PDB file of all heavy atoms in Angstrom:
ATOM      1  N   THR A   1      -0.306  -1.903   7.862  1.00  0.00           N
ATOM      2  CA  THR A   1       0.900  -1.127   7.994  1.00  0.00           C
ATOM      3  C   THR A   1       2.106  -2.006   8.175  1.00  0.00           C
ATOM      4  O   THR A   1       2.041  -3.037   8.818  1.00  0.00           O
ATOM      5  CB  THR A   1       0.801  -0.160   9.192  1.00  0.00           C
ATOM      6  OG1 THR A   1       0.607  -0.921  10.365  1.00  0.00           O
ATOM      7  CG2 THR A   1      -0.345   0.826   8.976  1.00  0.00           C
ATOM      8  N   GLN A   2       3.195  -1.619   7.597  1.00  0.00           N
ATOM      9  CA  GLN A   2       4.458  -2.379   7.689  1.00  0.00           C
ATOM     10  C   GLN A   2       5.484  -1.611   8.453  1.00  0.00           C
ATOM     11  O   GLN A   2       5.985  -0.618   7.916  1.00  0.00           O
ATOM     12  CB  GLN A   2       4.970  -2.726   6.248  1.00  0.00           C
ATOM     13  CG  GLN A   2       4.036  -3.581   5.438  1.00  0.00           C
ATOM     14  CD  GLN A   2       3.854  -4.981   6.074  1.00  0.00           C
ATOM     15  OE1 GLN A   2       4.796  -5.512   6.649  1.00  0.00           O
ATOM     16  NE2 GLN A   2       2.672  -5.530   6.001  1.00  0.00           N
ATOM     17  N   PRO A   3       5.858  -2.010   9.680  1.00  0.00           N
ATOM     18  CA  PRO A   3       6.874  -1.313  10.424  1.00  0.00           C
ATOM     19  C   PRO A   3       8.182  -1.082   9.652  1.00  0.00           C
ATOM     20  O   PRO A   3       8.870  -0.135   9.813  1.00  0.00           O
ATOM     21  CB  PRO A   3       7.078  -2.211  11.647  1.00  0.00           C
ATOM     22  CG  PRO A   3       5.788  -2.921  11.788  1.00  0.00           C
ATOM     23  CD  PRO A   3       5.311  -3.143  10.378  1.00  0.00           C
ATOM     24  N   ALA A   4       8.499  -2.005   8.773  1.00  0.00           N
ATOM     25  CA  ALA A   4       9.803  -1.907   8.068  1.00  0.00           C
ATOM     26  C   ALA A   4       9.837  -0.747   7.138  1.00  0.00           C
ATOM     27  O   ALA A   4      10.900  -0.398   6.659  1.00  0.00           O
ATOM     28  CB  ALA A   4      10.036  -3.206   7.244  1.00  0.00           C
ATOM     29  N   GLN A   5       8.704  -0.070   6.893  1.00  0.00           N
ATOM     30  CA  GLN A   5       8.724   1.077   6.016  1.00  0.00           C
ATOM     31  C   GLN A   5       8.774   2.428   6.776  1.00  0.00           C
ATOM     32  O   GLN A   5       8.768   3.458   6.202  1.00  0.00           O
ATOM     33  CB  GLN A   5       7.478   1.075   5.162  1.00  0.00           C
ATOM     34  CG  GLN A   5       7.348  -0.169   4.287  1.00  0.00           C
ATOM     35  CD  GLN A   5       8.533  -0.293   3.342  1.00  0.00           C
ATOM     36  OE1 GLN A   5       8.990   0.668   2.786  1.00  0.00           O
ATOM     37  NE2 GLN A   5       9.028  -1.515   3.242  1.00  0.00           N
ATOM     38  N   ALA A   6       8.840   2.336   8.106  1.00  0.00           N
ATOM     39  CA  ALA A   6       8.797   3.527   8.901  1.00  0.00           C
ATOM     40  C   ALA A   6      10.166   3.740   9.583  1.00  0.00           C
ATOM     41  O   ALA A   6      11.143   3.102   9.255  1.00  0.00           O
ATOM     42  CB  ALA A   6       7.707   3.455   9.956  1.00  0.00           C
ATOM     43  N   VAL A   7      10.186   4.635  10.578  1.00  0.00           N
ATOM     44  CA  VAL A   7      11.416   5.011  11.202  1.00  0.00           C
ATOM     45  C   VAL A   7      12.005   3.819  11.967  1.00  0.00           C
ATOM     46  O   VAL A   7      11.288   3.150  12.656  1.00  0.00           O
ATOM     47  CB  VAL A   7      11.207   6.176  12.179  1.00  0.00           C
ATOM     48  CG1 VAL A   7      12.487   6.583  12.832  1.00  0.00           C
ATOM     49  CG2 VAL A   7      10.605   7.354  11.430  1.00  0.00           C
ATOM     50  N   ASP A   8      13.322   3.613  11.856  1.00  0.00           N
ATOM     51  CA  ASP A   8      13.958   2.532  12.611  1.00  0.00           C
ATOM     52  C   ASP A   8      15.031   3.090  13.514  1.00  0.00           C
ATOM     53  O   ASP A   8      14.986   4.231  13.881  1.00  0.00           O
ATOM     54  CB  ASP A   8      14.517   1.514  11.577  1.00  0.00           C
ATOM     55  CG  ASP A   8      15.572   2.156  10.671  1.00  0.00           C
ATOM     56  OD1 ASP A   8      16.030   3.246  11.018  1.00  0.00           O
ATOM     57  OD2 ASP A   8      15.957   1.534   9.690  1.00  0.00           O
ATOM     58  N   ASN A   9      16.014   2.281  13.812  1.00  0.00           N
ATOM     59  CA  ASN A   9      17.066   2.714  14.709  1.00  0.00           C
ATOM     60  C   ASN A   9      17.837   3.863  14.118  1.00  0.00           C
ATOM     61  O   ASN A   9      18.811   3.697  13.397  1.00  0.00           O
ATOM     62  CB  ASN A   9      18.029   1.554  14.989  1.00  0.00           C
ATOM     63  CG  ASN A   9      17.317   0.390  15.599  1.00  0.00           C
ATOM     64  OD1 ASN A   9      16.199   0.481  16.015  1.00  0.00           O
ATOM     65  ND2 ASN A   9      18.011  -0.771  15.625  1.00  0.00           N
ATOM     66  N   GLY A  10      17.447   5.064  14.421  1.00  0.00           N
ATOM     67  CA  GLY A  10      18.121   6.244  13.967  1.00  0.00           C
ATOM     68  C   GLY A  10      17.691   6.718  12.604  1.00  0.00           C
ATOM     69  O   GLY A  10      18.319   7.626  12.063  1.00  0.00           O
ATOM     70  N   THR A  11      16.639   6.168  12.038  1.00  0.00           N
ATOM     71  CA  THR A  11      16.205   6.592  10.739  1.00  0.00           C
ATOM     72  C   THR A  11      15.064   7.563  10.788  1.00  0.00           C
ATOM     73  O   THR A  11      14.136   7.337  11.523  1.00  0.00           O
ATOM     74  CB  THR A  11      15.767   5.396   9.904  1.00  0.00           C
ATOM     75  OG1 THR A  11      16.852   4.438   9.842  1.00  0.00           O
ATOM     76  CG2 THR A  11      15.450   5.763   8.500  1.00  0.00           C
ATOM     77  N   ASP A  12      15.122   8.631  10.024  1.00  0.00           N
ATOM     78  CA  ASP A  12      14.075   9.616  10.004  1.00  0.00           C
ATOM     79  C   ASP A  12      13.275   9.435   8.687  1.00  0.00           C
ATOM     80  O   ASP A  12      13.848   9.594   7.599  1.00  0.00           O
ATOM     81  CB  ASP A  12      14.647  11.031  10.052  1.00  0.00           C
ATOM     82  CG  ASP A  12      13.600  12.103  10.171  1.00  0.00           C
ATOM     83  OD1 ASP A  12      12.474  11.888   9.724  1.00  0.00           O
ATOM     84  OD2 ASP A  12      13.921  13.136  10.743  1.00  0.00           O
ATOM     85  N   SER A  13      12.007   9.093   8.783  1.00  0.00           N
ATOM     86  CA  SER A  13      11.203   8.791   7.571  1.00  0.00           C
ATOM     87  C   SER A  13      11.034  10.001   6.679  1.00  0.00           C
ATOM     88  O   SER A  13      10.786   9.867   5.474  1.00  0.00           O
ATOM     89  CB  SER A  13       9.832   8.264   7.973  1.00  0.00           C
ATOM     90  OG  SER A  13       9.122   9.235   8.691  1.00  0.00           O
ATOM     91  N   GLU A  14      11.156  11.184   7.219  1.00  0.00           N
ATOM     92  CA  GLU A  14      10.963  12.399   6.446  1.00  0.00           C
ATOM     93  C   GLU A  14      12.196  12.719   5.589  1.00  0.00           C
ATOM     94  O   GLU A  14      12.103  13.341   4.558  1.00  0.00           O
ATOM     95  CB  GLU A  14      10.613  13.586   7.330  1.00  0.00           C
ATOM     96  CG  GLU A  14       9.272  13.467   8.045  1.00  0.00           C
ATOM     97  CD  GLU A  14       8.929  14.671   8.878  1.00  0.00           C
ATOM     98  OE1 GLU A  14       9.815  15.567   8.925  1.00  0.00           O
ATOM     99  OE2 GLU A  14       7.879  14.696   9.471  1.00  0.00           O
ATOM    100  N   THR A  15      13.373  12.299   6.088  1.00  0.00           N
ATOM    101  CA  THR A  15      14.579  12.691   5.374  1.00  0.00           C
ATOM    102  C   THR A  15      15.206  11.509   4.605  1.00  0.00           C
ATOM    103  O   THR A  15      15.890  11.707   3.622  1.00  0.00           O
ATOM    104  CB  THR A  15      15.642  13.210   6.356  1.00  0.00           C
ATOM    105  OG1 THR A  15      15.894  12.199   7.347  1.00  0.00           O
ATOM    106  CG2 THR A  15      15.099  14.469   7.065  1.00  0.00           C
ATOM    107  N   GLU A  16      14.986  10.266   5.100  1.00  0.00           N
ATOM    108  CA  GLU A  16      15.582   9.124   4.439  1.00  0.00           C
ATOM    109  C   GLU A  16      14.762   7.891   4.778  1.00  0.00           C
ATOM    110  O   GLU A  16      15.131   7.065   5.620  1.00  0.00           O
ATOM    111  CB  GLU A  16      17.035   8.933   4.906  1.00  0.00           C
ATOM    112  CG  GLU A  16      17.847   7.946   4.081  1.00  0.00           C
ATOM    113  CD  GLU A  16      19.279   7.865   4.492  1.00  0.00           C
ATOM    114  OE1 GLU A  16      19.618   8.542   5.493  1.00  0.00           O
ATOM    115  OE2 GLU A  16      20.039   7.150   3.873  1.00  0.00           O
ATOM    116  N   PRO A  17      13.629   7.707   4.125  1.00  0.00           N
ATOM    117  CA  PRO A  17      12.700   6.653   4.493  1.00  0.00           C
ATOM    118  C   PRO A  17      13.174   5.241   4.251  1.00  0.00           C
ATOM    119  O   PRO A  17      12.803   4.351   4.978  1.00  0.00           O
ATOM    120  CB  PRO A  17      11.437   6.968   3.638  1.00  0.00           C
ATOM    121  CG  PRO A  17      11.996   7.723   2.474  1.00  0.00           C
ATOM    122  CD  PRO A  17      13.136   8.490   2.981  1.00  0.00           C
ATOM    123  N   VAL A  18      13.997   4.976   3.235  1.00  0.00           N
ATOM    124  CA  VAL A  18      14.363   3.621   2.963  1.00  0.00           C
ATOM    125  C   VAL A  18      15.877   3.418   2.833  1.00  0.00           C
ATOM    126  O   VAL A  18      16.328   2.252   2.804  1.00  0.00           O
ATOM    127  CB  VAL A  18      13.693   3.150   1.629  1.00  0.00           C
ATOM    128  CG1 VAL A  18      12.183   3.079   1.793  1.00  0.00           C
ATOM    129  CG2 VAL A  18      14.071   4.063   0.483  1.00  0.00           C
ATOM    130  N   GLY A  19      16.674   4.496   2.801  1.00  0.00           N
ATOM    131  CA  GLY A  19      18.090   4.308   2.632  1.00  0.00           C
ATOM    132  C   GLY A  19      18.766   3.422   3.624  1.00  0.00           C
ATOM    133  O   GLY A  19      19.551   2.540   3.284  1.00  0.00           O
ATOM    134  N   PHE A  20      18.493   3.662   4.881  1.00  0.00           N
ATOM    135  CA  PHE A  20      19.113   2.871   5.961  1.00  0.00           C
ATOM    136  C   PHE A  20      18.720   1.392   5.841  1.00  0.00           C
ATOM    137  O   PHE A  20      19.511   0.508   5.928  1.00  0.00           O
ATOM    138  CB  PHE A  20      18.657   3.423   7.298  1.00  0.00           C
ATOM    139  CG  PHE A  20      19.230   2.688   8.470  1.00  0.00           C
ATOM    140  CD1 PHE A  20      20.428   3.097   9.047  1.00  0.00           C
ATOM    141  CD2 PHE A  20      18.581   1.579   9.029  1.00  0.00           C
ATOM    142  CE1 PHE A  20      20.979   2.399  10.156  1.00  0.00           C
ATOM    143  CE2 PHE A  20      19.113   0.895  10.102  1.00  0.00           C
ATOM    144  CZ  PHE A  20      20.278   1.288  10.656  1.00  0.00           C
ATOM    145  N   ARG A  21      17.443   1.152   5.552  1.00  0.00           N
ATOM    146  CA  ARG A  21      16.975  -0.235   5.468  1.00  0.00           C
ATOM    147  C   ARG A  21      17.465  -0.955   4.236  1.00  0.00           C
ATOM    148  O   ARG A  21      17.626  -2.160   4.264  1.00  0.00           O
ATOM    149  CB  ARG A  21      15.424  -0.258   5.557  1.00  0.00           C
ATOM    150  CG  ARG A  21      14.956   0.187   6.901  1.00  0.00           C
ATOM    151  CD  ARG A  21      13.398   0.204   6.979  1.00  0.00           C
ATOM    152  NE  ARG A  21      13.009   0.592   8.287  1.00  0.00           N
ATOM    153  CZ  ARG A  21      12.936  -0.248   9.310  1.00  0.00           C
ATOM    154  NH1 ARG A  21      13.252  -1.524   9.192  1.00  0.00           N
ATOM    155  NH2 ARG A  21      12.561   0.169  10.500  1.00  0.00           N
ATOM    156  N   ASP A  22      17.649  -0.188   3.150  1.00  0.00           N
ATOM    157  CA  ASP A  22      18.242  -0.826   1.962  1.00  0.00           C
ATOM    158  C   ASP A  22      19.671  -1.254   2.198  1.00  0.00           C
ATOM    159  O   ASP A  22      20.115  -2.285   1.748  1.00  0.00           O
ATOM    160  CB  ASP A  22      18.184   0.157   0.786  1.00  0.00           C
ATOM    161  CG  ASP A  22      16.789   0.317   0.238  1.00  0.00           C
ATOM    162  OD1 ASP A  22      15.937  -0.520   0.567  1.00  0.00           O
ATOM    163  OD2 ASP A  22      16.562   1.331  -0.485  1.00  0.00           O
ATOM    164  N   LYS A  23      20.360  -0.462   3.019  1.00  0.00           N
ATOM    165  CA  LYS A  23      21.777  -0.737   3.276  1.00  0.00           C
ATOM    166  C   LYS A  23      21.935  -1.827   4.297  1.00  0.00           C
ATOM    167  O   LYS A  23      22.835  -2.662   4.233  1.00  0.00           O
ATOM    168  CB  LYS A  23      22.437   0.534   3.743  1.00  0.00           C
ATOM    169  CG  LYS A  23      23.959   0.445   3.976  1.00  0.00           C
ATOM    170  CD  LYS A  23      24.556   1.791   4.343  1.00  0.00           C
ATOM    171  CE  LYS A  23      26.063   1.695   4.494  1.00  0.00           C
ATOM    172  NZ  LYS A  23      26.635   2.983   4.915  1.00  0.00           N
ATOM    173  N   PHE A  24      21.048  -1.863   5.297  1.00  0.00           N
ATOM    174  CA  PHE A  24      21.130  -2.831   6.400  1.00  0.00           C
ATOM    175  C   PHE A  24      19.800  -3.627   6.422  1.00  0.00           C
ATOM    176  O   PHE A  24      18.890  -3.335   7.174  1.00  0.00           O
ATOM    177  CB  PHE A  24      21.380  -2.181   7.714  1.00  0.00           C
ATOM    178  CG  PHE A  24      22.660  -1.327   7.731  1.00  0.00           C
ATOM    179  CD1 PHE A  24      22.561   0.037   7.635  1.00  0.00           C
ATOM    180  CD2 PHE A  24      23.881  -1.914   7.867  1.00  0.00           C
ATOM    181  CE1 PHE A  24      23.711   0.814   7.627  1.00  0.00           C
ATOM    182  CE2 PHE A  24      25.039  -1.174   7.876  1.00  0.00           C
ATOM    183  CZ  PHE A  24      24.969   0.186   7.732  1.00  0.00           C
ATOM    184  N   GLU A  25      19.736  -4.651   5.608  1.00  0.00           N
ATOM    185  CA  GLU A  25      18.556  -5.455   5.542  1.00  0.00           C
ATOM    186  C   GLU A  25      18.414  -6.340   6.804  1.00  0.00           C
ATOM    187  O   GLU A  25      19.421  -6.703   7.431  1.00  0.00           O
ATOM    188  CB  GLU A  25      18.571  -6.370   4.309  1.00  0.00           C
ATOM    189  CG  GLU A  25      18.575  -5.613   3.001  1.00  0.00           C
ATOM    190  CD  GLU A  25      18.616  -6.531   1.823  1.00  0.00           C
ATOM    191  OE1 GLU A  25      18.286  -7.744   1.991  1.00  0.00           O
ATOM    192  OE2 GLU A  25      18.977  -6.114   0.719  1.00  0.00           O
ATOM    193  N   ALA A  26      17.169  -6.698   7.124  1.00  0.00           N
ATOM    194  CA  ALA A  26      16.941  -7.598   8.287  1.00  0.00           C
ATOM    195  C   ALA A  26      17.123  -9.040   7.810  1.00  0.00           C
ATOM    196  O   ALA A  26      16.163  -9.740   7.483  1.00  0.00           O
ATOM    197  CB  ALA A  26      15.532  -7.361   8.826  1.00  0.00           C
ATOM    198  N   LYS A  27      18.381  -9.453   7.774  1.00  0.00           N
ATOM    199  CA  LYS A  27      18.697 -10.803   7.215  1.00  0.00           C
ATOM    200  C   LYS A  27      19.316 -11.743   8.261  1.00  0.00           C
ATOM    201  O   LYS A  27      19.621 -12.887   7.946  1.00  0.00           O
ATOM    202  CB  LYS A  27      19.628 -10.649   6.032  1.00  0.00           C
ATOM    203  CG  LYS A  27      20.936  -9.983   6.320  1.00  0.00           C
ATOM    204  CD  LYS A  27      21.796  -9.790   5.087  1.00  0.00           C
ATOM    205  CE  LYS A  27      23.131  -9.124   5.390  1.00  0.00           C
ATOM    206  NZ  LYS A  27      23.912  -8.958   4.159  1.00  0.00           N
ATOM    207  N   HIS A  28      19.487 -11.220   9.478  1.00  0.00           N
ATOM    208  CA  HIS A  28      20.040 -12.091  10.566  1.00  0.00           C
ATOM    209  C   HIS A  28      18.904 -12.722  11.329  1.00  0.00           C
ATOM    210  O   HIS A  28      18.133 -12.038  11.994  1.00  0.00           O
ATOM    211  CB  HIS A  28      20.946 -11.272  11.483  1.00  0.00           C
ATOM    212  CG  HIS A  28      22.105 -10.624  10.789  1.00  0.00           C
ATOM    213  ND1 HIS A  28      23.309 -11.249  10.550  1.00  0.00           N
ATOM    214  CD2 HIS A  28      22.250  -9.376  10.244  1.00  0.00           C
ATOM    215  CE1 HIS A  28      24.131 -10.433   9.926  1.00  0.00           C
ATOM    216  NE2 HIS A  28      23.518  -9.268   9.713  1.00  0.00           N
ATOM    217  N   ARG A  29      18.760 -14.023  11.287  1.00  0.00           N
ATOM    218  CA  ARG A  29      17.681 -14.695  11.925  1.00  0.00           C
ATOM    219  C   ARG A  29      18.049 -15.057  13.343  1.00  0.00           C
ATOM    220  O   ARG A  29      19.024 -15.776  13.597  1.00  0.00           O
ATOM    221  CB  ARG A  29      17.264 -16.001  11.135  1.00  0.00           C
ATOM    222  CG  ARG A  29      16.068 -16.667  11.739  1.00  0.00           C
ATOM    223  CD  ARG A  29      15.787 -17.994  11.011  1.00  0.00           C
ATOM    224  NE  ARG A  29      14.659 -18.670  11.563  1.00  0.00           N
ATOM    225  CZ  ARG A  29      13.420 -18.628  11.087  1.00  0.00           C
ATOM    226  NH1 ARG A  29      13.193 -17.960   9.981  1.00  0.00           N
ATOM    227  NH2 ARG A  29      12.422 -19.266  11.666  1.00  0.00           N
ATOM    228  N   SER A  30      17.243 -14.569  14.330  1.00  0.00           N
ATOM    229  CA  SER A  30      17.467 -14.870  15.702  1.00  0.00           C
ATOM    230  C   SER A  30      16.859 -16.201  16.107  1.00  0.00           C
ATOM    231  O   SER A  30      16.076 -16.805  15.339  1.00  0.00           O
ATOM    232  CB  SER A  30      16.852 -13.778  16.584  1.00  0.00           C
ATOM    233  OG  SER A  30      17.413 -12.530  16.255  1.00  0.00           O
ATOM    234  N   ALA A  31      17.143 -16.667  17.306  1.00  0.00           N
ATOM    235  CA  ALA A  31      16.683 -17.956  17.771  1.00  0.00           C
ATOM    236  C   ALA A  31      15.141 -18.045  17.830  1.00  0.00           C
ATOM    237  O   ALA A  31      14.600 -19.134  17.684  1.00  0.00           O
ATOM    238  CB  ALA A  31      17.261 -18.283  19.142  1.00  0.00           C
ATOM    239  N   ASP A  32      14.509 -16.911  18.057  1.00  0.00           N
ATOM    240  CA  ASP A  32      13.052 -16.900  18.185  1.00  0.00           C
ATOM    241  C   ASP A  32      12.348 -16.642  16.845  1.00  0.00           C
ATOM    242  O   ASP A  32      11.109 -16.490  16.793  1.00  0.00           O
ATOM    243  CB  ASP A  32      12.578 -15.888  19.234  1.00  0.00           C
ATOM    244  CG  ASP A  32      12.975 -14.450  18.891  1.00  0.00           C
ATOM    245  OD1 ASP A  32      13.631 -14.258  17.847  1.00  0.00           O
ATOM    246  OD2 ASP A  32      12.638 -13.533  19.675  1.00  0.00           O
ATOM    247  N   GLY A  33      13.139 -16.553  15.783  1.00  0.00           N
ATOM    248  CA  GLY A  33      12.532 -16.327  14.457  1.00  0.00           C
ATOM    249  C   GLY A  33      12.540 -14.923  13.965  1.00  0.00           C
ATOM    250  O   GLY A  33      12.213 -14.654  12.786  1.00  0.00           O
ATOM    251  N   HIS A  34      12.895 -13.937  14.835  1.00  0.00           N
ATOM    252  CA  HIS A  34      12.991 -12.519  14.380  1.00  0.00           C
ATOM    253  C   HIS A  34      14.131 -12.388  13.400  1.00  0.00           C
ATOM    254  O   HIS A  34      15.213 -12.961  13.574  1.00  0.00           O
ATOM    255  CB  HIS A  34      13.257 -11.622  15.599  1.00  0.00           C
ATOM    256  CG  HIS A  34      12.100 -11.411  16.452  1.00  0.00           C
ATOM    257  ND1 HIS A  34      12.192 -11.220  17.820  1.00  0.00           N
ATOM    258  CD2 HIS A  34      10.780 -11.298  16.189  1.00  0.00           C
ATOM    259  CE1 HIS A  34      10.997 -11.036  18.319  1.00  0.00           C
ATOM    260  NE2 HIS A  34      10.138 -11.119  17.349  1.00  0.00           N
ATOM    261  N   PHE A  35      13.891 -11.628  12.322  1.00  0.00           N
ATOM    262  CA  PHE A  35      14.938 -11.226  11.431  1.00  0.00           C
ATOM    263  C   PHE A  35      15.394  -9.838  11.813  1.00  0.00           C
ATOM    264  O   PHE A  35      14.588  -8.900  11.771  1.00  0.00           O
ATOM    265  CB  PHE A  35      14.475 -11.251   9.993  1.00  0.00           C
ATOM    266  CG  PHE A  35      14.440 -12.679   9.409  1.00  0.00           C
ATOM    267  CD1 PHE A  35      13.306 -13.430   9.489  1.00  0.00           C
ATOM    268  CD2 PHE A  35      15.566 -13.195   8.789  1.00  0.00           C
ATOM    269  CE1 PHE A  35      13.245 -14.701   8.961  1.00  0.00           C
ATOM    270  CE2 PHE A  35      15.532 -14.484   8.256  1.00  0.00           C
ATOM    271  CZ  PHE A  35      14.406 -15.222   8.352  1.00  0.00           C
TER     272      PHE A  35
END
């Protein structure tokens, strides 16, 4: 399972499963390696 395909900060998978994530990609790399 890939968390990035499910509900995120304010995203409802039933109504908009990928729109939010397409618009706001996880491209900011944190000091511990998290994007």
